[in-house]
Amino acid sequence: MLNVVSNDKDAIWLIDYWCKKDVRGLIQMPFSRHWIMHIEASLRIKNKIYS
């Protein structure tokens, strides 16, 4: 287990929400600043790994 979400019982909804998404569902999500923030963060991580 990666332990990327809190073990708190109030965080269960987050796990349930994301586990029901597939690639198509993720692509169809509305484009938002929150979405852009995650893309920027993932690119920074990727660049650190490959530099």
C-alpha atoms as a PDB file:
ATOM      1  CA  MET A   1       0.000   0.000   0.000  1.00  0.00           C
ATOM      2  CA  LEU A   2       1.303   3.453  -0.905  1.00  0.00           C
ATOM      3  CA  ASN A   3      -0.334   5.293   2.026  1.00  0.00           C
ATOM      4  CA  VAL A   4      -0.989   8.402  -0.060  1.00  0.00           C
ATOM      5  CA  VAL A   5      -4.393   9.047   1.548  1.00  0.00           C
ATOM      6  CA  SER A   6      -5.020   9.521   5.240  1.00  0.00           C
ATOM      7  CA  ASN A   7      -6.086   6.455   7.214  1.00  0.00           C
ATOM      8  CA  ASP A   8      -8.727   8.621   8.910  1.00  0.00           C
ATOM      9  CA  LYS A   9     -12.243   7.194   8.492  1.00  0.00           C
ATOM     10  CA  ASP A  10     -13.376  10.570   7.110  1.00  0.00           C
ATOM     11  CA  ALA A  11     -11.040  10.110   4.110  1.00  0.00           C
ATOM     12  CA  ILE A  12     -12.739   6.936   2.852  1.00  0.00           C
ATOM     13  CA  TRP A  13     -14.936   8.929   0.434  1.00  0.00           C
ATOM     14  CA  LEU A  14     -11.794  10.142  -1.369  1.00  0.00           C
ATOM     15  CA  ILE A  15     -10.547   6.611  -1.954  1.00  0.00           C
ATOM     16  CA  ASP A  16     -14.000   5.485  -3.118  1.00  0.00           C
ATOM     17  CA  TYR A  17     -14.272   8.446  -5.506  1.00  0.00           C
ATOM     18  CA  TRP A  18     -10.910   7.947  -7.232  1.00  0.00           C
ATOM     19  CA  CYS A  19     -11.076   4.146  -7.346  1.00  0.00           C
ATOM     20  CA  LYS A  20     -14.226   4.395  -9.467  1.00  0.00           C
ATOM     21  CA  LYS A  21     -12.475   6.525 -12.121  1.00  0.00           C
ATOM     22  CA  ASP A  22     -10.974   5.052 -15.262  1.00  0.00           C
ATOM     23  CA  VAL A  23      -8.789   6.814 -17.843  1.00  0.00           C
ATOM     24  CA  ARG A  24     -11.829   7.841 -19.877  1.00  0.00           C
ATOM     25  CA  GLY A  25     -13.490   9.307 -16.787  1.00  0.00           C
ATOM     26  CA  LEU A  26     -10.350  11.241 -15.890  1.00  0.00           C
ATOM     27  CA  ILE A  27     -10.038  12.675 -19.402  1.00  0.00           C
ATOM     28  CA  GLN A  28     -13.694  13.734 -19.370  1.00  0.00           C
ATOM     29  CA  MET A  29     -13.366  15.662 -16.102  1.00  0.00           C
ATOM     30  CA  PRO A  30     -13.850  19.427 -16.499  1.00  0.00           C
ATOM     31  CA  PHE A  31     -10.631  21.360 -17.047  1.00  0.00           C
ATOM     32  CA  SER A  32      -9.951  23.453 -13.939  1.00  0.00           C
ATOM     33  CA  ARG A  33      -7.169  25.189 -12.035  1.00  0.00           C
ATOM     34  CA  HIS A  34      -7.146  22.281  -9.589  1.00  0.00           C
ATOM     35  CA  TRP A  35      -6.551  19.861 -12.482  1.00  0.00           C
ATOM     36  CA  ILE A  36      -3.745  22.074 -13.849  1.00  0.00           C
ATOM     37  CA  MET A  37      -2.127  22.174 -10.390  1.00  0.00           C
ATOM     38  CA  HIS A  38      -1.871  18.373 -10.350  1.00  0.00           C
ATOM     39  CA  ILE A  39      -0.413  18.252 -13.867  1.00  0.00           C
ATOM     40  CA  GLU A  40       2.214  20.855 -12.958  1.00  0.00           C
ATOM     41  CA  ALA A  41       3.129  18.922  -9.801  1.00  0.00           C
ATOM     42  CA  SER A  42       3.428  15.639 -11.701  1.00  0.00           C
ATOM     43  CA  LEU A  43       5.668  17.289 -14.317  1.00  0.00           C
ATOM     44  CA  ARG A  44       7.955  18.650 -11.576  1.00  0.00           C
ATOM     45  CA  ILE A  45       8.210  15.169 -10.048  1.00  0.00           C
ATOM     46  CA  LYS A  46       8.895  13.599 -13.459  1.00  0.00           C
ATOM     47  CA  ASN A  47      11.597  16.180 -14.203  1.00  0.00           C
ATOM     48  CA  LYS A  48      13.305  15.518 -10.852  1.00  0.00           C
ATOM     49  CA  ILE A  49      13.261  11.775 -11.496  1.00  0.00           C
ATOM     50  CA  TYR A  50      14.681  12.022 -15.022  1.00  0.00           C
ATOM     51  CA  SER A  51      17.217  14.826 -14.506  1.00  0.00           C
END
